[in-house]
Amino acid sequence: MVSGDASPSESIVTNCNGCDVLVHEVYTQLGYAKSSDAWKKYITSFHTSTKELADLATRAKPKTLVLFHQMYFGGAEDTEAVMLREIRAGYKGRVVSAHDLDVY
């Protein structure tokens, strides 16, 4: 299942329901915390945080969660490792961070 470029939606939980793969976009909490108020308002309207995605994935129960359209806007310390750590803090299933031409 592919979420698209979207804010959190209960339809992900309903439609995945134990799907093999959930592909979902995500931004880091670290980047959010370092953003301006205007950017925070925009990002929460149209995108999904690591914390929100961890909650969705826990309830949707995909066999593999694939992160795509990863957004890092918290400076040099906002990295893929940070994103994975944030996701894994709330989601205990298999998660990978996608890169162009990866195969899963």
C-alpha atoms as a PDB file:
ATOM      1  CA  MET A   1       0.000   0.000   0.000  1.00  0.00           C
ATOM      2  CA  VAL A   2       1.296   3.486  -0.881  1.00  0.00           C
ATOM      3  CA  SER A   3       0.119   6.414   1.215  1.00  0.00           C
ATOM      4  CA  GLY A   4       1.135   9.158  -1.166  1.00  0.00           C
ATOM      5  CA  ASP A   5       2.339  12.526   0.057  1.00  0.00           C
ATOM      6  CA  ALA A   6      -0.122  13.020   2.901  1.00  0.00           C
ATOM      7  CA  SER A   7      -0.967  13.892   6.457  1.00  0.00           C
ATOM      8  CA  PRO A   8      -2.006  11.035   8.785  1.00  0.00           C
ATOM      9  CA  SER A   9      -5.180   9.233   7.773  1.00  0.00           C
ATOM     10  CA  GLU A  10      -7.217   6.496   9.438  1.00  0.00           C
ATOM     11  CA  SER A  11      -7.793   5.038   5.972  1.00  0.00           C
ATOM     12  CA  ILE A  12      -4.171   3.818   6.088  1.00  0.00           C
ATOM     13  CA  VAL A  13      -4.963   1.692   9.143  1.00  0.00           C
ATOM     14  CA  THR A  14      -8.187   0.374   7.630  1.00  0.00           C
ATOM     15  CA  ASN A  15      -6.812  -0.387   4.183  1.00  0.00           C
ATOM     16  CA  CYS A  16      -3.405  -1.741   5.173  1.00  0.00           C
ATOM     17  CA  ASN A  17      -4.727  -4.034   7.914  1.00  0.00           C
ATOM     18  CA  GLY A  18      -1.645  -6.263   8.004  1.00  0.00           C
ATOM     19  CA  CYS A  19      -0.562  -5.544   4.412  1.00  0.00           C
ATOM     20  CA  ASP A  20       2.810  -6.811   3.206  1.00  0.00           C
ATOM     21  CA  VAL A  21       4.305  -3.351   2.612  1.00  0.00           C
ATOM     22  CA  LEU A  22       3.247   0.135   3.632  1.00  0.00           C
ATOM     23  CA  VAL A  23       5.101   2.924   1.818  1.00  0.00           C
ATOM     24  CA  HIS A  24       4.635   6.230   3.619  1.00  0.00           C
ATOM     25  CA  GLU A  25       6.216   9.680   3.577  1.00  0.00           C
ATOM     26  CA  VAL A  26       7.579  11.156   6.802  1.00  0.00           C
ATOM     27  CA  TYR A  27       9.355  14.069   8.472  1.00  0.00           C
ATOM     28  CA  THR A  28      11.431  14.094  11.655  1.00  0.00           C
ATOM     29  CA  GLN A  29      10.274  15.464  14.990  1.00  0.00           C
ATOM     30  CA  LEU A  30      13.733  17.017  15.318  1.00  0.00           C
ATOM     31  CA  GLY A  31      13.187  19.022  12.123  1.00  0.00           C
ATOM     32  CA  TYR A  32       9.724  20.030  13.240  1.00  0.00           C
ATOM     33  CA  ALA A  33      11.024  21.270  16.590  1.00  0.00           C
ATOM     34  CA  LYS A  34      13.564  23.496  14.828  1.00  0.00           C
ATOM     35  CA  SER A  35      11.065  24.984  12.371  1.00  0.00           C
ATOM     36  CA  SER A  36       9.325  28.348  12.316  1.00  0.00           C
ATOM     37  CA  ASP A  37       5.680  28.553  13.358  1.00  0.00           C
ATOM     38  CA  ALA A  38       4.596  29.125   9.739  1.00  0.00           C
ATOM     39  CA  TRP A  39       6.487  26.029   8.562  1.00  0.00           C
ATOM     40  CA  LYS A  40       5.065  23.961  11.444  1.00  0.00           C
ATOM     41  CA  LYS A  41       1.541  24.927  10.394  1.00  0.00           C
ATOM     42  CA  TYR A  42       2.235  23.942   6.780  1.00  0.00           C
ATOM     43  CA  ILE A  43       4.021  20.684   7.525  1.00  0.00           C
ATOM     44  CA  THR A  44       1.354  19.376   9.900  1.00  0.00           C
ATOM     45  CA  SER A  45      -1.363  20.118   7.354  1.00  0.00           C
ATOM     46  CA  PHE A  46       0.185  18.111   4.526  1.00  0.00           C
ATOM     47  CA  HIS A  47       2.714  15.631   5.934  1.00  0.00           C
ATOM     48  CA  THR A  48       3.215  12.957   8.622  1.00  0.00           C
ATOM     49  CA  SER A  49       5.696  13.045  11.501  1.00  0.00           C
ATOM     50  CA  THR A  50       7.720  10.075  12.696  1.00  0.00           C
ATOM     51  CA  LYS A  51       5.594   9.956  15.852  1.00  0.00           C
ATOM     52  CA  GLU A  52       2.334   9.987  13.879  1.00  0.00           C
ATOM     53  CA  LEU A  53       3.601   7.368  11.445  1.00  0.00           C
ATOM     54  CA  ALA A  54       4.798   5.107  14.260  1.00  0.00           C
ATOM     55  CA  ASP A  55       1.278   5.211  15.691  1.00  0.00           C
ATOM     56  CA  LEU A  56      -0.353   4.559  12.296  1.00  0.00           C
ATOM     57  CA  ALA A  57       2.005   1.694  11.481  1.00  0.00           C
ATOM     58  CA  THR A  58       1.502   0.091  14.894  1.00  0.00           C
ATOM     59  CA  ARG A  59      -2.229  -0.018  14.248  1.00  0.00           C
ATOM     60  CA  ALA A  60      -1.996  -0.872  10.512  1.00  0.00           C
ATOM     61  CA  LYS A  61       0.485  -3.716  11.166  1.00  0.00           C
ATOM     62  CA  PRO A  62       2.358  -3.845   7.850  1.00  0.00           C
ATOM     63  CA  LYS A  63       4.948  -6.592   7.505  1.00  0.00           C
ATOM     64  CA  THR A  64       7.389  -3.901   6.304  1.00  0.00           C
ATOM     65  CA  LEU A  65       7.152  -0.121   6.661  1.00  0.00           C
ATOM     66  CA  VAL A  66       9.072   1.715   3.931  1.00  0.00           C
ATOM     67  CA  LEU A  67       9.809   5.394   4.532  1.00  0.00           C
ATOM     68  CA  PHE A  68       9.902   7.571   1.422  1.00  0.00           C
ATOM     69  CA  HIS A  69       9.827  11.307   0.697  1.00  0.00           C
ATOM     70  CA  GLN A  70      11.803  11.672   3.917  1.00  0.00           C
ATOM     71  CA  MET A  71      11.982  15.284   5.029  1.00  0.00           C
ATOM     72  CA  TYR A  72      14.944  16.526   7.026  1.00  0.00           C
ATOM     73  CA  PHE A  73      14.769  20.230   7.821  1.00  0.00           C
ATOM     74  CA  GLY A  74      16.440  20.357  11.222  1.00  0.00           C
ATOM     75  CA  GLY A  75      19.977  21.133  10.135  1.00  0.00           C
ATOM     76  CA  ALA A  76      23.076  18.967   9.954  1.00  0.00           C
ATOM     77  CA  GLU A  77      22.121  16.784  12.933  1.00  0.00           C
ATOM     78  CA  ASP A  78      18.772  15.841  11.312  1.00  0.00           C
ATOM     79  CA  THR A  79      19.735  12.579   9.615  1.00  0.00           C
ATOM     80  CA  GLU A  80      18.356   9.261   8.449  1.00  0.00           C
ATOM     81  CA  ALA A  81      19.637   7.686  11.670  1.00  0.00           C
ATOM     82  CA  VAL A  82      17.609  10.217  13.685  1.00  0.00           C
ATOM     83  CA  MET A  83      14.521   9.458  11.604  1.00  0.00           C
ATOM     84  CA  LEU A  84      14.862   5.722  12.093  1.00  0.00           C
ATOM     85  CA  ARG A  85      15.449   6.171  15.825  1.00  0.00           C
ATOM     86  CA  GLU A  86      12.323   8.338  16.104  1.00  0.00           C
ATOM     87  CA  ILE A  87      10.199   5.786  14.211  1.00  0.00           C
ATOM     88  CA  ARG A  88      11.553   2.841  16.178  1.00  0.00           C
ATOM     89  CA  ALA A  89      10.791   4.608  19.454  1.00  0.00           C
ATOM     90  CA  GLY A  90       7.107   4.067  18.738  1.00  0.00           C
ATOM     91  CA  TYR A  91       6.991   1.278  16.151  1.00  0.00           C
ATOM     92  CA  LYS A  92       8.454  -2.161  16.773  1.00  0.00           C
ATOM     93  CA  GLY A  93       7.894  -3.700  13.321  1.00  0.00           C
ATOM     94  CA  ARG A  94      10.311  -3.907  10.385  1.00  0.00           C
ATOM     95  CA  VAL A  95      11.110  -0.457   8.981  1.00  0.00           C
ATOM     96  CA  VAL A  96      13.461   0.654   6.210  1.00  0.00           C
ATOM     97  CA  SER A  97      14.315   4.047   4.804  1.00  0.00           C
ATOM     98  CA  ALA A  98      13.990   4.025   1.016  1.00  0.00           C
ATOM     99  CA  HIS A  99      16.629   5.208  -1.415  1.00  0.00           C
ATOM    100  CA  ASP A 100      16.345   5.486  -5.189  1.00  0.00           C
ATOM    101  CA  LEU A 101      16.601   2.082  -6.903  1.00  0.00           C
ATOM    102  CA  ASP A 102      16.290   0.100  -3.655  1.00  0.00           C
ATOM    103  CA  VAL A 103      14.537  -3.274  -3.903  1.00  0.00           C
ATOM    104  CA  TYR A 104      12.558  -4.764  -0.993  1.00  0.00           C
END
